[in-house]
Amino acid sequence: MAKKDRRGNRKTREQRPLKVPELGYYLVVTDTEATERCYFQGLYKELPKMIQNKLVIKVVETKTRALIDKCLEMAAYDAQYRIPWIVFDRDEVKGFDEIIKEAEKLGINVGWSNPCFEIWMYSYYGVMPTIMESWTCCDEFEKIFQRKTGQRYSKSDEGLYEKISRTGNEEKALQIARQKYEQCVREGKTVPSQMCPCTTVYRLVKEIKKKV
């Protein structure tokens, strides 16, 4: 039976005291229907059981315009323990740079990808090609994914992370993503919408994997 507050009302799951995870509570708010959720949930499942018992990765989906508000709303519960992130793509998002700037100003970490999340997964296979359009990026990634895994690419594949980490090289992916970011900066491109191909998702992945 659910516990009640002082007024006798039942507490919601978010209102109940949080058992503080020793290695952190990552709140990841994304604007996609499946891809990022499948990736990060898969990443969590592949962590050693000992780490899973000490770490939380909660993925929440919402509309792009609500990313920041949703993240702040959910991070407000046990705020001192939750590590807030929003993860989203440039794609055709209006105000892409403004969303990133506002989120960072509010203390929210941002894992953005330009042109799309697939450019991050592409790096598992040793390259991050210069592709400006998200639909082209998805099409090209689908080809390399099928070639490497022998299976069709699906954004809602619950085994997505396992497949790319098994057939690709995550350490190399982290290195490639960091180098691409630094290259953009050296070239004077510091506005995310102008940094392509580029992603900061690697920062979140690296931070989580360092817990192992």
N, C-alpha and C. Protein backbone atom coordinates (compact mmCIF):
# COMPACT_ATOMS: atom_id res chain seq x y z
N MET A 1 0.84 -1.19 0.00
CA MET A 1 0.00 0.00 0.00
C MET A 1 0.88 1.24 0.00
N ALA A 2 0.49 2.24 -0.80
CA ALA A 2 1.28 3.46 -0.90
C ALA A 2 1.27 4.23 0.42
N LYS A 3 2.41 4.80 0.79
CA LYS A 3 2.48 5.60 2.00
C LYS A 3 1.74 6.91 1.80
N LYS A 4 1.31 7.53 2.93
CA LYS A 4 0.56 8.77 2.86
C LYS A 4 1.36 9.91 3.47
N ASP A 5 1.04 11.14 3.03
CA ASP A 5 1.71 12.30 3.61
C ASP A 5 0.99 12.72 4.87
N ARG A 6 1.40 13.85 5.45
CA ARG A 6 0.85 14.28 6.74
C ARG A 6 -0.63 14.59 6.67
N ARG A 7 -1.14 14.90 5.48
CA ARG A 7 -2.57 15.21 5.33
C ARG A 7 -3.40 13.97 5.04
N GLY A 8 -2.73 12.84 4.96
CA GLY A 8 -3.47 11.62 4.70
C GLY A 8 -3.58 11.27 3.23
N ASN A 9 -3.00 12.11 2.37
CA ASN A 9 -3.04 11.83 0.94
C ASN A 9 -1.93 10.87 0.56
N ARG A 10 -2.23 10.02 -0.38
CA ARG A 10 -1.20 9.07 -0.81
C ARG A 10 -0.09 9.80 -1.55
N LYS A 11 1.13 9.44 -1.26
CA LYS A 11 2.27 10.04 -1.93
C LYS A 11 2.46 9.41 -3.29
N THR A 12 2.82 10.24 -4.25
CA THR A 12 3.15 9.70 -5.57
C THR A 12 4.54 9.10 -5.48
N ARG A 13 4.91 8.34 -6.51
CA ARG A 13 6.23 7.72 -6.51
C ARG A 13 7.34 8.77 -6.44
N GLU A 14 7.13 9.92 -7.11
CA GLU A 14 8.15 10.96 -7.11
C GLU A 14 8.26 11.65 -5.75
N GLN A 15 7.17 11.63 -4.95
CA GLN A 15 7.20 12.31 -3.66
C GLN A 15 7.84 11.48 -2.57
N ARG A 16 7.92 10.17 -2.78
CA ARG A 16 8.48 9.31 -1.75
C ARG A 16 9.98 9.52 -1.65
N PRO A 17 10.55 9.35 -0.47
CA PRO A 17 11.99 9.55 -0.29
C PRO A 17 12.78 8.66 -1.24
N LEU A 18 13.80 9.22 -1.85
CA LEU A 18 14.61 8.50 -2.80
C LEU A 18 15.76 7.80 -2.09
N LYS A 19 15.92 6.52 -2.43
CA LYS A 19 17.09 5.81 -1.94
C LYS A 19 18.25 6.30 -2.78
N VAL A 20 19.15 7.04 -2.19
CA VAL A 20 20.20 7.71 -2.93
C VAL A 20 21.18 6.72 -3.55
N PRO A 21 21.28 6.70 -4.90
CA PRO A 21 22.24 5.80 -5.54
C PRO A 21 23.66 6.32 -5.33
N GLU A 22 24.52 5.45 -4.94
CA GLU A 22 25.89 5.81 -4.58
C GLU A 22 26.66 6.48 -5.73
N LEU A 23 26.40 6.05 -6.96
CA LEU A 23 27.16 6.56 -8.10
C LEU A 23 26.41 7.59 -8.93
N GLY A 24 25.23 8.00 -8.47
CA GLY A 24 24.53 9.06 -9.17
C GLY A 24 23.19 8.66 -9.74
N TYR A 25 22.34 9.68 -9.91
CA TYR A 25 21.01 9.50 -10.49
C TYR A 25 20.96 10.38 -11.73
N TYR A 26 21.11 9.77 -12.90
CA TYR A 26 21.11 10.52 -14.15
C TYR A 26 19.69 10.63 -14.70
N LEU A 27 19.22 11.86 -14.80
CA LEU A 27 17.91 12.14 -15.38
C LEU A 27 18.14 12.63 -16.80
N VAL A 28 17.73 11.82 -17.77
CA VAL A 28 17.95 12.14 -19.19
C VAL A 28 16.60 12.41 -19.84
N VAL A 29 16.36 13.66 -20.22
CA VAL A 29 15.11 14.04 -20.88
C VAL A 29 15.38 14.23 -22.36
N THR A 30 14.63 13.53 -23.19
CA THR A 30 14.85 13.57 -24.63
C THR A 30 13.54 13.86 -25.37
N ASP A 31 13.67 14.29 -26.62
CA ASP A 31 12.47 14.64 -27.39
C ASP A 31 12.14 13.63 -28.48
N THR A 32 12.77 12.46 -28.43
CA THR A 32 12.49 11.44 -29.45
C THR A 32 11.60 10.35 -28.88
N GLU A 33 10.98 9.59 -29.77
CA GLU A 33 10.06 8.56 -29.35
C GLU A 33 10.76 7.29 -28.88
N ALA A 34 11.97 7.03 -29.37
CA ALA A 34 12.57 5.76 -28.99
C ALA A 34 14.09 5.71 -28.99
N THR A 35 14.74 6.30 -29.98
CA THR A 35 16.17 6.04 -30.20
C THR A 35 17.03 6.26 -28.96
N GLU A 36 16.98 7.45 -28.38
CA GLU A 36 17.80 7.74 -27.22
C GLU A 36 17.41 6.88 -26.02
N ARG A 37 16.11 6.67 -25.87
CA ARG A 37 15.66 5.81 -24.75
C ARG A 37 16.24 4.41 -24.89
N CYS A 38 16.14 3.83 -26.07
CA CYS A 38 16.67 2.47 -26.30
C CYS A 38 18.18 2.44 -26.08
N TYR A 39 18.85 3.48 -26.54
CA TYR A 39 20.32 3.52 -26.40
C TYR A 39 20.72 3.58 -24.93
N PHE A 40 20.18 4.52 -24.17
CA PHE A 40 20.62 4.69 -22.79
C PHE A 40 20.12 3.59 -21.86
N GLN A 41 18.94 3.08 -22.11
CA GLN A 41 18.47 1.95 -21.31
C GLN A 41 19.33 0.72 -21.60
N GLY A 42 19.73 0.59 -22.86
CA GLY A 42 20.60 -0.52 -23.23
C GLY A 42 21.98 -0.38 -22.60
N LEU A 43 22.48 0.85 -22.57
CA LEU A 43 23.77 1.12 -21.94
C LEU A 43 23.73 0.70 -20.47
N TYR A 44 22.65 1.07 -19.81
CA TYR A 44 22.50 0.72 -18.39
C TYR A 44 22.48 -0.79 -18.18
N LYS A 45 21.75 -1.50 -19.03
CA LYS A 45 21.64 -2.96 -18.90
C LYS A 45 22.97 -3.67 -19.12
N GLU A 46 23.85 -3.04 -19.88
CA GLU A 46 25.15 -3.65 -20.16
C GLU A 46 26.19 -3.35 -19.08
N LEU A 47 25.85 -2.48 -18.13
CA LEU A 47 26.78 -2.19 -17.03
C LEU A 47 26.85 -3.38 -16.10
N PRO A 48 27.97 -3.59 -15.42
CA PRO A 48 28.06 -4.69 -14.45
C PRO A 48 26.96 -4.55 -13.38
N LYS A 49 26.44 -5.67 -12.92
CA LYS A 49 25.36 -5.66 -11.93
C LYS A 49 25.74 -4.85 -10.70
N MET A 50 26.99 -4.93 -10.29
CA MET A 50 27.44 -4.19 -9.12
C MET A 50 27.26 -2.69 -9.33
N ILE A 51 27.51 -2.22 -10.57
CA ILE A 51 27.35 -0.80 -10.89
C ILE A 51 25.87 -0.45 -11.00
N GLN A 52 25.08 -1.33 -11.59
CA GLN A 52 23.64 -1.08 -11.73
C GLN A 52 22.98 -0.85 -10.37
N ASN A 53 23.47 -1.55 -9.35
CA ASN A 53 22.91 -1.41 -8.01
C ASN A 53 23.25 -0.08 -7.36
N LYS A 54 24.21 0.64 -7.94
CA LYS A 54 24.66 1.89 -7.34
C LYS A 54 24.37 3.11 -8.22
N LEU A 55 23.70 2.88 -9.36
CA LEU A 55 23.52 3.94 -10.35
C LEU A 55 22.11 3.89 -10.92
N VAL A 56 21.54 5.07 -11.18
CA VAL A 56 20.22 5.15 -11.81
C VAL A 56 20.34 5.97 -13.08
N ILE A 57 19.75 5.47 -14.17
CA ILE A 57 19.64 6.24 -15.40
C ILE A 57 18.16 6.24 -15.78
N LYS A 58 17.51 7.36 -15.60
CA LYS A 58 16.09 7.48 -15.91
C LYS A 58 15.92 8.30 -17.18
N VAL A 59 15.28 7.71 -18.18
CA VAL A 59 15.08 8.39 -19.46
C VAL A 59 13.61 8.78 -19.59
N VAL A 60 13.36 10.06 -19.85
CA VAL A 60 12.00 10.59 -19.97
C VAL A 60 11.85 11.24 -21.34
N GLU A 61 10.73 10.99 -21.99
CA GLU A 61 10.49 11.57 -23.31
C GLU A 61 9.44 12.67 -23.24
N THR A 62 9.66 13.74 -24.00
CA THR A 62 8.70 14.84 -24.02
C THR A 62 8.84 15.59 -25.36
N LYS A 63 8.09 16.66 -25.54
CA LYS A 63 8.19 17.47 -26.75
C LYS A 63 9.42 18.37 -26.66
N THR A 64 9.98 18.72 -27.82
CA THR A 64 11.19 19.54 -27.84
C THR A 64 11.01 20.84 -27.05
N ARG A 65 9.88 21.52 -27.24
CA ARG A 65 9.67 22.80 -26.58
C ARG A 65 9.55 22.66 -25.06
N ALA A 66 9.32 21.43 -24.58
CA ALA A 66 9.14 21.21 -23.15
C ALA A 66 10.37 20.58 -22.48
N LEU A 67 11.45 20.42 -23.24
CA LEU A 67 12.63 19.73 -22.70
C LEU A 67 13.13 20.33 -21.39
N ILE A 68 13.34 21.64 -21.38
CA ILE A 68 13.90 22.29 -20.20
C ILE A 68 12.93 22.25 -19.03
N ASP A 69 11.67 22.60 -19.29
CA ASP A 69 10.67 22.62 -18.21
C ASP A 69 10.49 21.24 -17.60
N LYS A 70 10.45 20.21 -18.46
CA LYS A 70 10.28 18.84 -17.95
C LYS A 70 11.47 18.42 -17.13
N CYS A 71 12.65 18.78 -17.58
CA CYS A 71 13.87 18.42 -16.87
C CYS A 71 13.92 19.10 -15.50
N LEU A 72 13.59 20.39 -15.47
CA LEU A 72 13.59 21.12 -14.20
C LEU A 72 12.53 20.56 -13.25
N GLU A 73 11.37 20.23 -13.80
CA GLU A 73 10.28 19.69 -12.99
C GLU A 73 10.69 18.40 -12.31
N MET A 74 11.29 17.50 -13.09
CA MET A 74 11.65 16.19 -12.53
C MET A 74 12.90 16.25 -11.68
N ALA A 75 13.80 17.17 -12.01
CA ALA A 75 15.02 17.30 -11.22
C ALA A 75 14.75 17.94 -9.87
N ALA A 76 13.61 18.60 -9.74
CA ALA A 76 13.26 19.28 -8.48
C ALA A 76 13.08 18.29 -7.35
N TYR A 77 12.67 17.07 -7.67
CA TYR A 77 12.54 16.04 -6.64
C TYR A 77 13.93 15.53 -6.30
N ASP A 78 14.30 15.65 -5.02
CA ASP A 78 15.63 15.22 -4.58
C ASP A 78 16.71 15.85 -5.46
N ALA A 79 16.58 17.16 -5.65
CA ALA A 79 17.45 17.88 -6.58
C ALA A 79 18.94 17.70 -6.30
N GLN A 80 19.29 17.53 -5.02
CA GLN A 80 20.71 17.42 -4.69
C GLN A 80 21.32 16.11 -5.17
N TYR A 81 20.48 15.14 -5.55
CA TYR A 81 21.00 13.85 -5.98
C TYR A 81 20.90 13.63 -7.49
N ARG A 82 20.08 14.39 -8.16
CA ARG A 82 19.83 14.13 -9.58
C ARG A 82 20.76 14.94 -10.48
N ILE A 83 21.25 14.27 -11.51
CA ILE A 83 22.16 14.90 -12.47
C ILE A 83 21.36 15.10 -13.75
N PRO A 84 20.89 16.33 -14.03
CA PRO A 84 19.98 16.57 -15.15
C PRO A 84 20.67 16.74 -16.50
N TRP A 85 20.11 16.06 -17.50
CA TRP A 85 20.58 16.18 -18.88
C TRP A 85 19.39 16.28 -19.81
N ILE A 86 19.54 17.05 -20.88
CA ILE A 86 18.60 16.96 -21.99
C ILE A 86 19.40 16.48 -23.18
N VAL A 87 18.81 15.60 -23.97
CA VAL A 87 19.49 15.02 -25.13
C VAL A 87 18.59 15.21 -26.35
N PHE A 88 19.07 15.95 -27.34
CA PHE A 88 18.25 16.18 -28.52
C PHE A 88 19.11 16.53 -29.73
N ASP A 89 18.48 16.50 -30.92
CA ASP A 89 19.18 16.71 -32.19
C ASP A 89 18.87 18.08 -32.78
N ARG A 90 19.77 18.52 -33.67
CA ARG A 90 19.48 19.75 -34.42
C ARG A 90 18.30 19.51 -35.35
N ASP A 91 18.43 18.49 -36.20
CA ASP A 91 17.36 18.13 -37.12
C ASP A 91 16.74 19.41 -37.70
N GLU A 92 15.45 19.62 -37.45
CA GLU A 92 14.80 20.87 -37.90
C GLU A 92 14.27 21.66 -36.71
N VAL A 93 14.91 21.50 -35.58
CA VAL A 93 14.47 22.17 -34.35
C VAL A 93 14.66 23.68 -34.45
N LYS A 94 13.60 24.41 -34.18
CA LYS A 94 13.68 25.87 -34.16
C LYS A 94 14.26 26.30 -32.81
N GLY A 95 15.19 27.24 -32.86
CA GLY A 95 15.78 27.72 -31.62
C GLY A 95 16.74 26.72 -30.99
N PHE A 96 17.37 25.90 -31.81
CA PHE A 96 18.30 24.87 -31.33
C PHE A 96 19.37 25.46 -30.41
N ASP A 97 20.05 26.49 -30.89
CA ASP A 97 21.12 27.10 -30.09
C ASP A 97 20.58 27.75 -28.82
N GLU A 98 19.41 28.36 -28.92
CA GLU A 98 18.82 29.04 -27.76
C GLU A 98 18.44 28.05 -26.67
N ILE A 99 17.93 26.89 -27.07
CA ILE A 99 17.56 25.85 -26.09
C ILE A 99 18.80 25.40 -25.33
N ILE A 100 19.89 25.17 -26.05
CA ILE A 100 21.13 24.73 -25.43
C ILE A 100 21.66 25.80 -24.46
N LYS A 101 21.66 27.02 -24.92
CA LYS A 101 22.17 28.13 -24.09
C LYS A 101 21.35 28.31 -22.82
N GLU A 102 20.04 28.24 -22.95
CA GLU A 102 19.16 28.41 -21.79
C GLU A 102 19.33 27.27 -20.80
N ALA A 103 19.41 26.05 -21.33
CA ALA A 103 19.57 24.88 -20.46
C ALA A 103 20.86 24.97 -19.65
N GLU A 104 21.94 25.30 -20.32
CA GLU A 104 23.23 25.39 -19.63
C GLU A 104 23.21 26.50 -18.59
N LYS A 105 22.52 27.59 -18.90
CA LYS A 105 22.41 28.70 -17.95
C LYS A 105 21.68 28.27 -16.68
N LEU A 106 20.76 27.31 -16.83
CA LEU A 106 19.96 26.82 -15.70
C LEU A 106 20.62 25.62 -15.01
N GLY A 107 21.82 25.28 -15.42
CA GLY A 107 22.54 24.19 -14.78
C GLY A 107 22.20 22.81 -15.30
N ILE A 108 21.60 22.76 -16.49
CA ILE A 108 21.26 21.48 -17.11
C ILE A 108 22.34 21.11 -18.12
N ASN A 109 22.82 19.91 -18.05
CA ASN A 109 23.79 19.41 -19.03
C ASN A 109 23.08 19.12 -20.34
N VAL A 110 23.76 19.32 -21.45
CA VAL A 110 23.13 19.12 -22.76
C VAL A 110 23.96 18.16 -23.62
N GLY A 111 23.29 17.11 -24.08
CA GLY A 111 23.90 16.19 -25.03
C GLY A 111 23.24 16.43 -26.38
N TRP A 112 23.77 17.34 -27.17
CA TRP A 112 23.17 17.64 -28.47
C TRP A 112 23.93 16.95 -29.59
N SER A 113 23.24 16.73 -30.68
CA SER A 113 23.87 16.12 -31.86
C SER A 113 23.50 16.91 -33.10
N ASN A 114 24.46 17.11 -33.97
CA ASN A 114 24.23 17.83 -35.21
C ASN A 114 24.84 17.03 -36.36
N PRO A 115 24.03 16.41 -37.24
CA PRO A 115 22.62 16.73 -37.44
C PRO A 115 21.64 15.89 -36.61
N CYS A 116 22.05 14.67 -36.16
CA CYS A 116 21.13 13.80 -35.44
C CYS A 116 21.90 12.82 -34.56
N PHE A 117 21.17 12.10 -33.72
CA PHE A 117 21.78 11.16 -32.77
C PHE A 117 22.57 10.07 -33.48
N GLU A 118 22.13 9.72 -34.69
CA GLU A 118 22.83 8.67 -35.44
C GLU A 118 24.28 9.03 -35.73
N ILE A 119 24.61 10.32 -35.77
CA ILE A 119 26.00 10.70 -36.03
C ILE A 119 26.90 10.25 -34.89
N TRP A 120 26.33 10.22 -33.67
CA TRP A 120 27.08 9.70 -32.51
C TRP A 120 27.28 8.20 -32.65
N MET A 121 26.23 7.47 -33.01
CA MET A 121 26.34 6.02 -33.14
C MET A 121 27.24 5.64 -34.32
N TYR A 122 27.27 6.49 -35.33
CA TYR A 122 28.14 6.29 -36.49
C TYR A 122 29.60 6.16 -36.05
N SER A 123 29.98 6.94 -35.04
CA SER A 123 31.37 6.98 -34.61
C SER A 123 31.84 5.65 -34.00
N TYR A 124 30.90 4.79 -33.61
CA TYR A 124 31.27 3.46 -33.10
C TYR A 124 31.96 2.65 -34.19
N TYR A 125 31.70 3.00 -35.44
CA TYR A 125 32.28 2.28 -36.56
C TYR A 125 33.47 3.01 -37.18
N GLY A 126 34.06 3.90 -36.36
CA GLY A 126 35.33 4.50 -36.74
C GLY A 126 35.31 5.77 -37.55
N VAL A 127 34.12 6.29 -37.85
CA VAL A 127 34.04 7.52 -38.64
C VAL A 127 32.89 8.39 -38.15
N MET A 128 33.01 9.68 -38.42
CA MET A 128 31.91 10.61 -38.22
C MET A 128 31.87 11.47 -39.48
N PRO A 129 31.19 10.97 -40.51
CA PRO A 129 31.21 11.63 -41.83
C PRO A 129 30.52 12.99 -41.82
N THR A 130 30.93 13.82 -42.75
CA THR A 130 30.33 15.15 -42.88
C THR A 130 28.99 15.01 -43.61
N ILE A 131 27.93 14.99 -42.83
CA ILE A 131 26.57 14.89 -43.36
C ILE A 131 25.76 16.01 -42.73
N MET A 132 25.14 16.83 -43.54
CA MET A 132 24.46 18.01 -43.03
C MET A 132 22.98 17.76 -42.70
N GLU A 133 22.36 16.81 -43.40
CA GLU A 133 20.93 16.58 -43.21
C GLU A 133 20.68 15.32 -42.38
N SER A 134 19.72 15.40 -41.46
CA SER A 134 19.45 14.28 -40.57
C SER A 134 18.92 13.06 -41.31
N TRP A 135 18.07 13.27 -42.32
CA TRP A 135 17.51 12.12 -43.02
C TRP A 135 18.59 11.36 -43.79
N THR A 136 19.56 12.10 -44.34
CA THR A 136 20.67 11.46 -45.03
C THR A 136 21.54 10.69 -44.04
N CYS A 137 21.77 11.30 -42.89
CA CYS A 137 22.57 10.68 -41.84
C CYS A 137 21.93 9.36 -41.39
N CYS A 138 20.62 9.37 -41.20
CA CYS A 138 19.90 8.16 -40.77
C CYS A 138 20.00 7.08 -41.84
N ASP A 139 19.84 7.47 -43.09
CA ASP A 139 19.91 6.51 -44.19
C ASP A 139 21.30 5.87 -44.28
N GLU A 140 22.33 6.70 -44.16
CA GLU A 140 23.70 6.19 -44.27
C GLU A 140 24.06 5.33 -43.06
N PHE A 141 23.59 5.73 -41.88
CA PHE A 141 23.86 4.93 -40.70
C PHE A 141 23.16 3.57 -40.80
N GLU A 142 21.95 3.58 -41.33
CA GLU A 142 21.20 2.33 -41.50
C GLU A 142 21.99 1.34 -42.35
N LYS A 143 22.67 1.84 -43.38
CA LYS A 143 23.46 0.95 -44.26
C LYS A 143 24.63 0.34 -43.52
N ILE A 144 25.37 1.16 -42.77
CA ILE A 144 26.55 0.63 -42.07
C ILE A 144 26.12 -0.27 -40.90
N PHE A 145 25.01 0.06 -40.27
CA PHE A 145 24.49 -0.77 -39.17
C PHE A 145 24.14 -2.16 -39.69
N GLN A 146 23.45 -2.22 -40.82
CA GLN A 146 23.05 -3.50 -41.38
C GLN A 146 24.27 -4.30 -41.83
N ARG A 147 25.25 -3.61 -42.39
CA ARG A 147 26.46 -4.27 -42.84
C ARG A 147 27.24 -4.87 -41.67
N LYS A 148 27.28 -4.14 -40.55
CA LYS A 148 28.05 -4.58 -39.39
C LYS A 148 27.31 -5.62 -38.54
N THR A 149 26.00 -5.47 -38.42
CA THR A 149 25.24 -6.35 -37.52
C THR A 149 24.50 -7.46 -38.25
N GLY A 150 24.27 -7.27 -39.55
CA GLY A 150 23.49 -8.24 -40.29
C GLY A 150 22.00 -8.10 -40.05
N GLN A 151 21.59 -6.98 -39.43
CA GLN A 151 20.18 -6.75 -39.11
C GLN A 151 19.75 -5.36 -39.58
N ARG A 152 18.44 -5.21 -39.77
CA ARG A 152 17.89 -3.91 -40.15
C ARG A 152 17.94 -2.96 -38.97
N TYR A 153 18.18 -1.70 -39.24
CA TYR A 153 18.20 -0.69 -38.19
C TYR A 153 16.79 -0.25 -37.83
N SER A 154 16.51 -0.20 -36.55
CA SER A 154 15.22 0.27 -36.07
C SER A 154 15.45 1.21 -34.90
N LYS A 155 14.84 2.38 -34.94
CA LYS A 155 14.99 3.35 -33.87
C LYS A 155 14.42 2.85 -32.54
N SER A 156 13.50 1.89 -32.61
CA SER A 156 12.86 1.37 -31.41
C SER A 156 13.41 0.01 -30.99
N ASP A 157 14.60 -0.31 -31.46
CA ASP A 157 15.24 -1.59 -31.14
C ASP A 157 15.77 -1.57 -29.71
N GLU A 158 15.19 -2.39 -28.85
CA GLU A 158 15.62 -2.43 -27.44
C GLU A 158 17.06 -2.92 -27.30
N GLY A 159 17.55 -3.60 -28.32
CA GLY A 159 18.92 -4.11 -28.26
C GLY A 159 19.92 -3.24 -29.01
N LEU A 160 19.52 -2.01 -29.29
CA LEU A 160 20.34 -1.09 -30.09
C LEU A 160 21.74 -0.91 -29.52
N TYR A 161 21.83 -0.58 -28.24
CA TYR A 161 23.14 -0.31 -27.64
C TYR A 161 24.02 -1.56 -27.67
N GLU A 162 23.44 -2.68 -27.32
CA GLU A 162 24.22 -3.93 -27.29
C GLU A 162 24.81 -4.23 -28.65
N LYS A 163 24.04 -3.99 -29.70
CA LYS A 163 24.49 -4.33 -31.05
C LYS A 163 25.62 -3.42 -31.53
N ILE A 164 25.49 -2.11 -31.30
CA ILE A 164 26.54 -1.21 -31.79
C ILE A 164 27.80 -1.30 -30.93
N SER A 165 27.63 -1.56 -29.63
CA SER A 165 28.81 -1.66 -28.77
C SER A 165 29.55 -2.97 -29.03
N ARG A 166 28.82 -4.00 -29.43
CA ARG A 166 29.44 -5.30 -29.72
C ARG A 166 30.13 -5.30 -31.08
N THR A 167 29.52 -4.67 -32.07
CA THR A 167 30.09 -4.68 -33.42
C THR A 167 30.96 -3.46 -33.72
N GLY A 168 30.92 -2.47 -32.82
CA GLY A 168 31.73 -1.27 -32.99
C GLY A 168 32.75 -1.12 -31.87
N ASN A 169 33.31 0.05 -31.74
CA ASN A 169 34.35 0.32 -30.74
C ASN A 169 33.98 1.58 -29.97
N GLU A 170 33.54 1.42 -28.73
CA GLU A 170 33.08 2.56 -27.96
C GLU A 170 34.21 3.51 -27.58
N GLU A 171 35.35 2.97 -27.23
CA GLU A 171 36.48 3.83 -26.88
C GLU A 171 36.87 4.71 -28.07
N LYS A 172 36.86 4.11 -29.26
CA LYS A 172 37.17 4.87 -30.47
C LYS A 172 36.10 5.92 -30.73
N ALA A 173 34.84 5.57 -30.46
CA ALA A 173 33.74 6.51 -30.65
C ALA A 173 33.92 7.74 -29.77
N LEU A 174 34.26 7.52 -28.52
CA LEU A 174 34.47 8.62 -27.58
C LEU A 174 35.61 9.52 -28.06
N GLN A 175 36.65 8.90 -28.58
CA GLN A 175 37.80 9.65 -29.07
C GLN A 175 37.44 10.47 -30.31
N ILE A 176 36.74 9.85 -31.24
CA ILE A 176 36.35 10.53 -32.47
C ILE A 176 35.44 11.73 -32.18
N ALA A 177 34.46 11.52 -31.31
CA ALA A 177 33.51 12.58 -30.99
C ALA A 177 34.21 13.77 -30.33
N ARG A 178 35.13 13.47 -29.41
CA ARG A 178 35.87 14.55 -28.75
C ARG A 178 36.73 15.30 -29.76
N GLN A 179 37.39 14.59 -30.65
CA GLN A 179 38.25 15.22 -31.65
C GLN A 179 37.45 16.08 -32.61
N LYS A 180 36.27 15.62 -33.01
CA LYS A 180 35.42 16.40 -33.91
C LYS A 180 34.97 17.70 -33.25
N TYR A 181 34.63 17.60 -31.96
CA TYR A 181 34.22 18.79 -31.23
C TYR A 181 35.38 19.80 -31.17
N GLU A 182 36.54 19.30 -30.80
CA GLU A 182 37.71 20.17 -30.68
C GLU A 182 38.10 20.76 -32.04
N GLN A 183 37.92 20.01 -33.11
CA GLN A 183 38.21 20.51 -34.45
C GLN A 183 37.31 21.69 -34.80
N CYS A 184 36.03 21.56 -34.47
CA CYS A 184 35.08 22.65 -34.74
C CYS A 184 35.51 23.92 -34.00
N VAL A 185 35.90 23.75 -32.75
CA VAL A 185 36.32 24.90 -31.95
C VAL A 185 37.56 25.56 -32.55
N ARG A 186 38.52 24.74 -32.98
CA ARG A 186 39.75 25.29 -33.61
C ARG A 186 39.42 26.07 -34.86
N GLU A 187 38.37 25.65 -35.56
CA GLU A 187 37.97 26.32 -36.80
C GLU A 187 37.09 27.53 -36.53
N GLY A 188 36.90 27.85 -35.24
CA GLY A 188 36.12 29.03 -34.89
C GLY A 188 34.61 28.80 -34.85
N LYS A 189 34.21 27.55 -34.92
CA LYS A 189 32.77 27.22 -34.85
C LYS A 189 32.42 26.87 -33.41
N THR A 190 31.76 27.78 -32.74
CA THR A 190 31.41 27.55 -31.34
C THR A 190 29.91 27.56 -31.11
N VAL A 191 29.14 27.85 -32.14
CA VAL A 191 27.68 27.80 -32.04
C VAL A 191 27.25 26.41 -32.50
N PRO A 192 26.55 25.65 -31.66
CA PRO A 192 26.20 24.26 -31.97
C PRO A 192 25.60 24.02 -33.34
N SER A 193 24.73 24.91 -33.81
CA SER A 193 24.09 24.71 -35.11
C SER A 193 25.08 24.80 -36.26
N GLN A 194 26.25 25.40 -36.00
CA GLN A 194 27.28 25.53 -37.03
C GLN A 194 28.32 24.41 -36.93
N MET A 195 28.25 23.62 -35.87
CA MET A 195 29.23 22.56 -35.62
C MET A 195 28.68 21.24 -36.15
N CYS A 196 29.08 20.90 -37.36
CA CYS A 196 28.53 19.70 -38.00
C CYS A 196 29.58 19.04 -38.88
N PRO A 197 29.80 17.72 -38.73
CA PRO A 197 29.13 16.83 -37.77
C PRO A 197 29.74 16.99 -36.39
N CYS A 198 28.91 16.93 -35.38
CA CYS A 198 29.40 17.12 -34.02
C CYS A 198 28.34 16.65 -33.02
N THR A 199 28.79 16.26 -31.85
CA THR A 199 27.88 15.84 -30.79
C THR A 199 28.55 15.99 -29.43
N THR A 200 27.76 16.23 -28.41
CA THR A 200 28.30 16.25 -27.04
C THR A 200 27.74 15.09 -26.23
N VAL A 201 27.04 14.18 -26.88
CA VAL A 201 26.51 13.00 -26.18
C VAL A 201 27.65 12.19 -25.59
N TYR A 202 28.80 12.24 -26.24
CA TYR A 202 29.95 11.46 -25.75
C TYR A 202 30.32 11.83 -24.31
N ARG A 203 30.05 13.07 -23.92
CA ARG A 203 30.39 13.50 -22.55
C ARG A 203 29.57 12.74 -21.52
N LEU A 204 28.29 12.56 -21.82
CA LEU A 204 27.41 11.82 -20.91
C LEU A 204 27.81 10.35 -20.86
N VAL A 205 28.06 9.76 -22.03
CA VAL A 205 28.44 8.36 -22.08
C VAL A 205 29.76 8.14 -21.35
N LYS A 206 30.72 9.01 -21.58
CA LYS A 206 32.02 8.89 -20.91
C LYS A 206 31.88 9.00 -19.40
N GLU A 207 31.04 9.93 -18.96
CA GLU A 207 30.84 10.13 -17.52
C GLU A 207 30.24 8.89 -16.88
N ILE A 208 29.27 8.28 -17.55
CA ILE A 208 28.63 7.07 -17.01
C ILE A 208 29.60 5.90 -17.01
N LYS A 209 30.32 5.73 -18.12
CA LYS A 209 31.23 4.59 -18.21
C LYS A 209 32.41 4.70 -17.25
N LYS A 210 32.76 5.92 -16.84
CA LYS A 210 33.84 6.10 -15.87
C LYS A 210 33.46 5.56 -14.51
N LYS A 211 32.16 5.33 -14.30
CA LYS A 211 31.71 4.77 -13.02
C LYS A 211 32.09 3.31 -12.87
N VAL A 212 32.34 2.66 -14.00
CA VAL A 212 32.65 1.22 -13.98
C VAL A 212 34.05 1.00 -13.43
